[in-house]
Amino acid sequence: MKQRLDSLAENYTAIATLITAYLPNAKTQEFITEANKFKAYAAAWRDRWNSSTELYMAGGNYPAASPTLPMIFATAVQAEIAAAPDLATT
């Protein structure tokens, strides 16, 4: 399970990196807004996961709420693809 969660954290980091590289070329404001939300979520999730062992060993507790995955991001990606026809063919 730890390997799967490590892999998830790495994937979030990779997605956030790709978003950062693409943002200067973004066509829609919705994508920019939702991409920034996703980047913030990915950073919060990664930080939370990376500190879990240290918190456990120190006897600490997690905050009551987990970071919330921005659900509109997938819709914003589809709108961005529709606004940039050259993306749909790659």
PDB file of N, CA and C in Angstrom:
ATOM      1  N   MET A   1       0.830  -1.187   0.000  1.00  0.00           N
ATOM      2  CA  MET A   1       0.000   0.000   0.000  1.00  0.00           C
ATOM      3  C   MET A   1       0.876   1.252   0.000  1.00  0.00           C
ATOM      4  N   LYS A   2       1.978   1.218   0.750  1.00  0.00           N
ATOM      5  CA  LYS A   2       2.869   2.382   0.775  1.00  0.00           C
ATOM      6  C   LYS A   2       3.408   2.679  -0.618  1.00  0.00           C
ATOM      7  N   GLN A   3       3.780   1.644  -1.355  1.00  0.00           N
ATOM      8  CA  GLN A   3       4.288   1.847  -2.717  1.00  0.00           C
ATOM      9  C   GLN A   3       3.229   2.471  -3.616  1.00  0.00           C
ATOM     10  N   ARG A   4       1.991   2.045  -3.472  1.00  0.00           N
ATOM     11  CA  ARG A   4       0.912   2.615  -4.293  1.00  0.00           C
ATOM     12  C   ARG A   4       0.692   4.084  -3.944  1.00  0.00           C
ATOM     13  N   LEU A   5       0.735   4.406  -2.657  1.00  0.00           N
ATOM     14  CA  LEU A   5       0.554   5.795  -2.246  1.00  0.00           C
ATOM     15  C   LEU A   5       1.751   6.650  -2.649  1.00  0.00           C
ATOM     16  N   ASP A   6       2.959   6.091  -2.567  1.00  0.00           N
ATOM     17  CA  ASP A   6       4.141   6.813  -3.059  1.00  0.00           C
ATOM     18  C   ASP A   6       4.011   7.094  -4.554  1.00  0.00           C
ATOM     19  N   SER A   7       3.539   6.093  -5.295  1.00  0.00           N
ATOM     20  CA  SER A   7       3.349   6.255  -6.733  1.00  0.00           C
ATOM     21  C   SER A   7       2.299   7.325  -7.032  1.00  0.00           C
ATOM     22  N   LEU A   8       1.232   7.350  -6.246  1.00  0.00           N
ATOM     23  CA  LEU A   8       0.205   8.369  -6.425  1.00  0.00           C
ATOM     24  C   LEU A   8       0.775   9.762  -6.181  1.00  0.00           C
ATOM     25  N   ALA A   9       1.562   9.909  -5.128  1.00  0.00           N
ATOM     26  CA  ALA A   9       2.187  11.202  -4.834  1.00  0.00           C
ATOM     27  C   ALA A   9       3.113  11.626  -5.975  1.00  0.00           C
ATOM     28  N   GLU A  10       3.873  10.685  -6.523  1.00  0.00           N
ATOM     29  CA  GLU A  10       4.758  10.987  -7.642  1.00  0.00           C
ATOM     30  C   GLU A  10       3.954  11.380  -8.890  1.00  0.00           C
ATOM     31  N   ASN A  11       2.848  10.698  -9.124  1.00  0.00           N
ATOM     32  CA  ASN A  11       2.005  11.036 -10.277  1.00  0.00           C
ATOM     33  C   ASN A  11       1.413  12.431 -10.134  1.00  0.00           C
ATOM     34  N   TYR A  12       0.944  12.779  -8.929  1.00  0.00           N
ATOM     35  CA  TYR A  12       0.427  14.128  -8.697  1.00  0.00           C
ATOM     36  C   TYR A  12       1.509  15.170  -8.962  1.00  0.00           C
ATOM     37  N   THR A  13       2.727  14.884  -8.537  1.00  0.00           N
ATOM     38  CA  THR A  13       3.834  15.808  -8.773  1.00  0.00           C
ATOM     39  C   THR A  13       4.100  15.952 -10.267  1.00  0.00           C
ATOM     40  N   ALA A  14       4.074  14.839 -10.989  1.00  0.00           N
ATOM     41  CA  ALA A  14       4.299  14.885 -12.447  1.00  0.00           C
ATOM     42  C   ALA A  14       3.201  15.682 -13.143  1.00  0.00           C
ATOM     43  N   ILE A  15       1.956  15.460 -12.743  1.00  0.00           N
ATOM     44  CA  ILE A  15       0.844  16.206 -13.344  1.00  0.00           C
ATOM     45  C   ILE A  15       0.984  17.695 -13.050  1.00  0.00           C
ATOM     46  N   ALA A  16       1.315  18.030 -11.812  1.00  0.00           N
ATOM     47  CA  ALA A  16       1.483  19.440 -11.444  1.00  0.00           C
ATOM     48  C   ALA A  16       2.613  20.085 -12.244  1.00  0.00           C
ATOM     49  N   THR A  17       3.681  19.347 -12.494  1.00  0.00           N
ATOM     50  CA  THR A  17       4.798  19.853 -13.288  1.00  0.00           C
ATOM     51  C   THR A  17       4.361  20.113 -14.732  1.00  0.00           C
ATOM     52  N   LEU A  18       3.615  19.188 -15.296  1.00  0.00           N
ATOM     53  CA  LEU A  18       3.112  19.374 -16.663  1.00  0.00           C
ATOM     54  C   LEU A  18       2.144  20.550 -16.743  1.00  0.00           C
ATOM     55  N   ILE A  19       1.314  20.702 -15.734  1.00  0.00           N
ATOM     56  CA  ILE A  19       0.388  21.842 -15.697  1.00  0.00           C
ATOM     57  C   ILE A  19       1.174  23.145 -15.694  1.00  0.00           C
ATOM     58  N   THR A  20       2.192  23.221 -14.853  1.00  0.00           N
ATOM     59  CA  THR A  20       3.012  24.435 -14.759  1.00  0.00           C
ATOM     60  C   THR A  20       3.638  24.766 -16.109  1.00  0.00           C
ATOM     61  N   ALA A  21       4.117  23.751 -16.803  1.00  0.00           N
ATOM     62  CA  ALA A  21       4.729  23.981 -18.111  1.00  0.00           C
ATOM     63  C   ALA A  21       3.700  24.438 -19.148  1.00  0.00           C
ATOM     64  N   TYR A  22       2.468  23.954 -19.047  1.00  0.00           N
ATOM     65  CA  TYR A  22       1.443  24.271 -20.040  1.00  0.00           C
ATOM     66  C   TYR A  22       0.735  25.601 -19.771  1.00  0.00           C
ATOM     67  N   LEU A  23       0.631  26.021 -18.517  1.00  0.00           N
ATOM     68  CA  LEU A  23      -0.177  27.192 -18.162  1.00  0.00           C
ATOM     69  C   LEU A  23       0.068  28.445 -19.011  1.00  0.00           C
ATOM     70  N   PRO A  24       1.307  28.793 -19.394  1.00  0.00           N
ATOM     71  CA  PRO A  24       1.476  29.990 -20.228  1.00  0.00           C
ATOM     72  C   PRO A  24       0.762  29.890 -21.585  1.00  0.00           C
ATOM     73  N   ASN A  25       0.428  28.680 -22.013  1.00  0.00           N
ATOM     74  CA  ASN A  25      -0.245  28.478 -23.295  1.00  0.00           C
ATOM     75  C   ASN A  25      -1.741  28.206 -23.156  1.00  0.00           C
ATOM     76  N   ALA A  26      -2.260  28.279 -21.955  1.00  0.00           N
ATOM     77  CA  ALA A  26      -3.667  27.942 -21.712  1.00  0.00           C
ATOM     78  C   ALA A  26      -4.596  28.870 -22.485  1.00  0.00           C
ATOM     79  N   LYS A  27      -5.685  28.288 -22.965  1.00  0.00           N
ATOM     80  CA  LYS A  27      -6.655  29.040 -23.765  1.00  0.00           C
ATOM     81  C   LYS A  27      -7.861  29.503 -22.950  1.00  0.00           C
ATOM     82  N   THR A  28      -8.223  28.763 -21.907  1.00  0.00           N
ATOM     83  CA  THR A  28      -9.431  29.088 -21.150  1.00  0.00           C
ATOM     84  C   THR A  28      -9.103  29.469 -19.713  1.00  0.00           C
ATOM     85  N   GLN A  29      -9.856  30.426 -19.206  1.00  0.00           N
ATOM     86  CA  GLN A  29      -9.679  30.845 -17.816  1.00  0.00           C
ATOM     87  C   GLN A  29     -10.098  29.728 -16.862  1.00  0.00           C
ATOM     88  N   GLU A  30     -11.098  28.951 -17.248  1.00  0.00           N
ATOM     89  CA  GLU A  30     -11.545  27.834 -16.406  1.00  0.00           C
ATOM     90  C   GLU A  30     -10.405  26.849 -16.168  1.00  0.00           C
ATOM     91  N   PHE A  31      -9.642  26.549 -17.228  1.00  0.00           N
ATOM     92  CA  PHE A  31      -8.516  25.631 -17.072  1.00  0.00           C
ATOM     93  C   PHE A  31      -7.471  26.218 -16.137  1.00  0.00           C
ATOM     94  N   ILE A  32      -7.161  27.482 -16.303  1.00  0.00           N
ATOM     95  CA  ILE A  32      -6.152  28.120 -15.448  1.00  0.00           C
ATOM     96  C   ILE A  32      -6.576  28.041 -13.987  1.00  0.00           C
ATOM     97  N   THR A  33      -7.828  28.381 -13.724  1.00  0.00           N
ATOM     98  CA  THR A  33      -8.337  28.351 -12.355  1.00  0.00           C
ATOM     99  C   THR A  33      -8.288  26.947 -11.767  1.00  0.00           C
ATOM    100  N   GLU A  34      -8.819  25.977 -12.502  1.00  0.00           N
ATOM    101  CA  GLU A  34      -8.874  24.604 -12.003  1.00  0.00           C
ATOM    102  C   GLU A  34      -7.485  23.962 -11.945  1.00  0.00           C
ATOM    103  N   ALA A  35      -6.610  24.324 -12.861  1.00  0.00           N
ATOM    104  CA  ALA A  35      -5.245  23.795 -12.828  1.00  0.00           C
ATOM    105  C   ALA A  35      -4.514  24.275 -11.580  1.00  0.00           C
ATOM    106  N   ASN A  36      -4.700  25.529 -11.231  1.00  0.00           N
ATOM    107  CA  ASN A  36      -4.075  26.047 -10.009  1.00  0.00           C
ATOM    108  C   ASN A  36      -4.641  25.372  -8.765  1.00  0.00           C
ATOM    109  N   LYS A  37      -5.946  25.075  -8.774  1.00  0.00           N
ATOM    110  CA  LYS A  37      -6.541  24.337  -7.660  1.00  0.00           C
ATOM    111  C   LYS A  37      -5.943  22.944  -7.564  1.00  0.00           C
ATOM    112  N   PHE A  38      -5.762  22.288  -8.729  1.00  0.00           N
ATOM    113  CA  PHE A  38      -5.180  20.943  -8.721  1.00  0.00           C
ATOM    114  C   PHE A  38      -3.749  20.971  -8.207  1.00  0.00           C
ATOM    115  N   LYS A  39      -2.980  21.970  -8.639  1.00  0.00           N
ATOM    116  CA  LYS A  39      -1.597  22.081  -8.168  1.00  0.00           C
ATOM    117  C   LYS A  39      -1.552  22.253  -6.647  1.00  0.00           C
ATOM    118  N   ALA A  40      -2.455  23.057  -6.108  1.00  0.00           N
ATOM    119  CA  ALA A  40      -2.512  23.254  -4.657  1.00  0.00           C
ATOM    120  C   ALA A  40      -2.909  21.953  -3.960  1.00  0.00           C
ATOM    121  N   TYR A  41      -3.874  21.236  -4.537  1.00  0.00           N
ATOM    122  CA  TYR A  41      -4.281  19.948  -3.976  1.00  0.00           C
ATOM    123  C   TYR A  41      -3.118  18.960  -3.993  1.00  0.00           C
ATOM    124  N   ALA A  42      -2.418  18.875  -5.121  1.00  0.00           N
ATOM    125  CA  ALA A  42      -1.306  17.934  -5.248  1.00  0.00           C
ATOM    126  C   ALA A  42      -0.218  18.233  -4.225  1.00  0.00           C
ATOM    127  N   ALA A  43       0.085  19.500  -4.021  1.00  0.00           N
ATOM    128  CA  ALA A  43       1.110  19.879  -3.043  1.00  0.00           C
ATOM    129  C   ALA A  43       0.662  19.531  -1.621  1.00  0.00           C
ATOM    130  N   ALA A  44      -0.600  19.813  -1.308  1.00  0.00           N
ATOM    131  CA  ALA A  44      -1.109  19.507   0.033  1.00  0.00           C
ATOM    132  C   ALA A  44      -1.135  18.004   0.269  1.00  0.00           C
ATOM    133  N   TRP A  45      -1.572  17.246  -0.737  1.00  0.00           N
ATOM    134  CA  TRP A  45      -1.630  15.797  -0.598  1.00  0.00           C
ATOM    135  C   TRP A  45      -0.229  15.215  -0.434  1.00  0.00           C
ATOM    136  N   ARG A  46       0.707  15.679  -1.245  1.00  0.00           N
ATOM    137  CA  ARG A  46       2.090  15.193  -1.169  1.00  0.00           C
ATOM    138  C   ARG A  46       2.705  15.508   0.192  1.00  0.00           C
ATOM    139  N   ASP A  47       2.503  16.733   0.671  1.00  0.00           N
ATOM    140  CA  ASP A  47       3.050  17.112   1.976  1.00  0.00           C
ATOM    141  C   ASP A  47       2.437  16.276   3.088  1.00  0.00           C
ATOM    142  N   ARG A  48       1.143  16.048   2.996  1.00  0.00           N
ATOM    143  CA  ARG A  48       0.469  15.249   4.014  1.00  0.00           C
ATOM    144  C   ARG A  48       0.993  13.817   3.998  1.00  0.00           C
ATOM    145  N   TRP A  49       1.125  13.228   2.822  1.00  0.00           N
ATOM    146  CA  TRP A  49       1.601  11.853   2.728  1.00  0.00           C
ATOM    147  C   TRP A  49       3.054  11.750   3.184  1.00  0.00           C
ATOM    148  N   ASN A  50       3.893  12.675   2.749  1.00  0.00           N
ATOM    149  CA  ASN A  50       5.311  12.605   3.107  1.00  0.00           C
ATOM    150  C   ASN A  50       5.555  12.776   4.599  1.00  0.00           C
ATOM    151  N   SER A  51       4.650  13.424   5.292  1.00  0.00           N
ATOM    152  CA  SER A  51       4.858  13.642   6.724  1.00  0.00           C
ATOM    153  C   SER A  51       4.120  12.625   7.588  1.00  0.00           C
ATOM    154  N   SER A  52       3.412  11.676   6.977  1.00  0.00           N
ATOM    155  CA  SER A  52       2.589  10.751   7.757  1.00  0.00           C
ATOM    156  C   SER A  52       3.405   9.908   8.733  1.00  0.00           C
ATOM    157  N   THR A  53       4.533   9.392   8.305  1.00  0.00           N
ATOM    158  CA  THR A  53       5.351   8.568   9.193  1.00  0.00           C
ATOM    159  C   THR A  53       5.893   9.390  10.361  1.00  0.00           C
ATOM    160  N   GLU A  54       6.361  10.590  10.071  1.00  0.00           N
ATOM    161  CA  GLU A  54       6.889  11.435  11.131  1.00  0.00           C
ATOM    162  C   GLU A  54       5.803  11.801  12.142  1.00  0.00           C
ATOM    163  N   LEU A  55       4.612  12.107  11.648  1.00  0.00           N
ATOM    164  CA  LEU A  55       3.509  12.423  12.556  1.00  0.00           C
ATOM    165  C   LEU A  55       3.160  11.227  13.433  1.00  0.00           C
ATOM    166  N   TYR A  56       3.109  10.054  12.830  1.00  0.00           N
ATOM    167  CA  TYR A  56       2.786   8.845  13.576  1.00  0.00           C
ATOM    168  C   TYR A  56       3.832   8.586  14.659  1.00  0.00           C
ATOM    169  N   MET A  57       5.100   8.693  14.308  1.00  0.00           N
ATOM    170  CA  MET A  57       6.176   8.425  15.264  1.00  0.00           C
ATOM    171  C   MET A  57       6.192   9.450  16.395  1.00  0.00           C
ATOM    172  N   ALA A  58       5.767  10.665  16.094  1.00  0.00           N
ATOM    173  CA  ALA A  58       5.752  11.712  17.110  1.00  0.00           C
ATOM    174  C   ALA A  58       4.456  11.690  17.934  1.00  0.00           C
ATOM    175  N   GLY A  59       3.542  10.801  17.579  1.00  0.00           N
ATOM    176  CA  GLY A  59       2.284  10.714  18.313  1.00  0.00           C
ATOM    177  C   GLY A  59       1.281  11.773  17.916  1.00  0.00           C
ATOM    178  N   GLY A  60       1.489  12.391  16.764  1.00  0.00           N
ATOM    179  CA  GLY A  60       0.595  13.459  16.319  1.00  0.00           C
ATOM    180  C   GLY A  60      -0.628  12.929  15.598  1.00  0.00           C
ATOM    181  N   ASN A  61      -1.531  13.824  15.314  1.00  0.00           N
ATOM    182  CA  ASN A  61      -2.756  13.499  14.594  1.00  0.00           C
ATOM    183  C   ASN A  61      -2.854  14.335  13.331  1.00  0.00           C
ATOM    184  N   TYR A  62      -3.585  13.798  12.367  1.00  0.00           N
ATOM    185  CA  TYR A  62      -3.865  14.552  11.143  1.00  0.00           C
ATOM    186  C   TYR A  62      -4.974  15.563  11.404  1.00  0.00           C
ATOM    187  N   PRO A  63      -5.038  16.588  10.572  1.00  0.00           N
ATOM    188  CA  PRO A  63      -6.206  17.463  10.646  1.00  0.00           C
ATOM    189  C   PRO A  63      -7.465  16.641  10.345  1.00  0.00           C
ATOM    190  N   ALA A  64      -8.602  17.117  10.783  1.00  0.00           N
ATOM    191  CA  ALA A  64      -9.852  16.377  10.603  1.00  0.00           C
ATOM    192  C   ALA A  64     -10.214  16.197   9.137  1.00  0.00           C
ATOM    193  N   ALA A  65      -9.888  17.152   8.297  1.00  0.00           N
ATOM    194  CA  ALA A  65     -10.265  17.080   6.881  1.00  0.00           C
ATOM    195  C   ALA A  65      -9.044  16.857   6.004  1.00  0.00           C
ATOM    196  N   SER A  66      -9.217  16.028   5.001  1.00  0.00           N
ATOM    197  CA  SER A  66      -8.159  15.805   4.011  1.00  0.00           C
ATOM    198  C   SER A  66      -8.253  16.878   2.939  1.00  0.00           C
ATOM    199  N   PRO A  67      -7.180  17.046   2.139  1.00  0.00           N
ATOM    200  CA  PRO A  67      -7.294  17.942   0.991  1.00  0.00           C
ATOM    201  C   PRO A  67      -8.403  17.421   0.067  1.00  0.00           C
ATOM    202  N   THR A  68      -9.134  18.316  -0.531  1.00  0.00           N
ATOM    203  CA  THR A  68     -10.252  17.940  -1.397  1.00  0.00           C
ATOM    204  C   THR A  68      -9.822  17.998  -2.857  1.00  0.00           C
ATOM    205  N   LEU A  69      -9.973  16.871  -3.539  1.00  0.00           N
ATOM    206  CA  LEU A  69      -9.632  16.795  -4.963  1.00  0.00           C
ATOM    207  C   LEU A  69     -10.585  17.680  -5.759  1.00  0.00           C
ATOM    208  N   PRO A  70     -10.053  18.611  -6.560  1.00  0.00           N
ATOM    209  CA  PRO A  70     -10.925  19.471  -7.366  1.00  0.00           C
ATOM    210  C   PRO A  70     -11.591  18.668  -8.481  1.00  0.00           C
ATOM    211  N   MET A  71     -12.873  18.402  -8.344  1.00  0.00           N
ATOM    212  CA  MET A  71     -13.601  17.531  -9.268  1.00  0.00           C
ATOM    213  C   MET A  71     -13.869  18.178 -10.634  1.00  0.00           C
ATOM    214  N   ILE A  72     -13.833  19.493 -10.712  1.00  0.00           N
ATOM    215  CA  ILE A  72     -14.135  20.175 -11.968  1.00  0.00           C
ATOM    216  C   ILE A  72     -12.914  20.180 -12.900  1.00  0.00           C
ATOM    217  N   PHE A  73     -11.763  19.750 -12.412  1.00  0.00           N
ATOM    218  CA  PHE A  73     -10.540  19.794 -13.212  1.00  0.00           C
ATOM    219  C   PHE A  73     -10.692  19.014 -14.518  1.00  0.00           C
ATOM    220  N   ALA A  74     -11.293  17.839 -14.471  1.00  0.00           N
ATOM    221  CA  ALA A  74     -11.450  17.036 -15.690  1.00  0.00           C
ATOM    222  C   ALA A  74     -12.306  17.768 -16.728  1.00  0.00           C
ATOM    223  N   THR A  75     -13.342  18.440 -16.268  1.00  0.00           N
ATOM    224  CA  THR A  75     -14.194  19.221 -17.173  1.00  0.00           C
ATOM    225  C   THR A  75     -13.408  20.380 -17.780  1.00  0.00           C
ATOM    226  N   ALA A  76     -12.578  21.024 -16.955  1.00  0.00           N
ATOM    227  CA  ALA A  76     -11.767  22.140 -17.442  1.00  0.00           C
ATOM    228  C   ALA A  76     -10.755  21.666 -18.479  1.00  0.00           C
ATOM    229  N   VAL A  77     -10.211  20.474 -18.293  1.00  0.00           N
ATOM    230  CA  VAL A  77      -9.271  19.916 -19.271  1.00  0.00           C
ATOM    231  C   VAL A  77      -9.996  19.681 -20.601  1.00  0.00           C
ATOM    232  N   GLN A  78     -11.202  19.126 -20.554  1.00  0.00           N
ATOM    233  CA  GLN A  78     -11.962  18.890 -21.784  1.00  0.00           C
ATOM    234  C   GLN A  78     -12.283  20.200 -22.496  1.00  0.00           C
ATOM    235  N   ALA A  79     -12.631  21.247 -21.733  1.00  0.00           N
ATOM    236  CA  ALA A  79     -12.906  22.560 -22.332  1.00  0.00           C
ATOM    237  C   ALA A  79     -11.641  23.142 -22.960  1.00  0.00           C
ATOM    238  N   GLU A  80     -10.505  22.926 -22.314  1.00  0.00           N
ATOM    239  CA  GLU A  80      -9.226  23.415 -22.847  1.00  0.00           C
ATOM    240  C   GLU A  80      -8.888  22.707 -24.151  1.00  0.00           C
ATOM    241  N   ILE A  81      -9.118  21.418 -24.205  1.00  0.00           N
ATOM    242  CA  ILE A  81      -8.865  20.659 -25.439  1.00  0.00           C
ATOM    243  C   ILE A  81      -9.771  21.154 -26.561  1.00  0.00           C
ATOM    244  N   ALA A  82     -11.027  21.415 -26.230  1.00  0.00           N
ATOM    245  CA  ALA A  82     -11.964  21.918 -27.241  1.00  0.00           C
ATOM    246  C   ALA A  82     -11.556  23.303 -27.737  1.00  0.00           C
ATOM    247  N   ALA A  83     -10.968  24.122 -26.868  1.00  0.00           N
ATOM    248  CA  ALA A  83     -10.559  25.478 -27.249  1.00  0.00           C
ATOM    249  C   ALA A  83      -9.255  25.493 -28.033  1.00  0.00           C
ATOM    250  N   ALA A  84      -8.499  24.409 -27.974  1.00  0.00           N
ATOM    251  CA  ALA A  84      -7.215  24.327 -28.679  1.00  0.00           C
ATOM    252  C   ALA A  84      -7.241  23.060 -29.548  1.00  0.00           C
ATOM    253  N   PRO A  85      -7.781  23.153 -30.753  1.00  0.00           N
ATOM    254  CA  PRO A  85      -7.938  21.970 -31.606  1.00  0.00           C
ATOM    255  C   PRO A  85      -6.631  21.207 -31.860  1.00  0.00           C
ATOM    256  N   ASP A  86      -5.504  21.899 -31.833  1.00  0.00           N
ATOM    257  CA  ASP A  86      -4.223  21.213 -32.057  1.00  0.00           C
ATOM    258  C   ASP A  86      -3.907  20.245 -30.919  1.00  0.00           C
ATOM    259  N   LEU A  87      -4.502  20.399 -29.744  1.00  0.00           N
ATOM    260  CA  LEU A  87      -4.291  19.475 -28.626  1.00  0.00           C
ATOM    261  C   LEU A  87      -5.061  18.176 -28.825  1.00  0.00           C
ATOM    262  N   ALA A  88      -6.185  18.257 -29.486  1.00  0.00           N
ATOM    263  CA  ALA A  88      -7.026  17.081 -29.671  1.00  0.00           C
ATOM    264  C   ALA A  88      -6.380  16.042 -30.588  1.00  0.00           C
ATOM    265  N   THR A  89      -5.460  16.442 -31.429  1.00  0.00           N
ATOM    266  CA  THR A  89      -4.849  15.521 -32.367  1.00  0.00           C
ATOM    267  C   THR A  89      -3.557  14.921 -31.847  1.00  0.00           C
ATOM    268  N   THR A  90      -3.061  15.388 -30.686  1.00  0.00           N
ATOM    269  CA  THR A  90      -1.805  14.852 -30.163  1.00  0.00           C
ATOM    270  C   THR A  90      -2.030  13.837 -29.098  1.00  0.00           C
TER     271      THR A  90
END
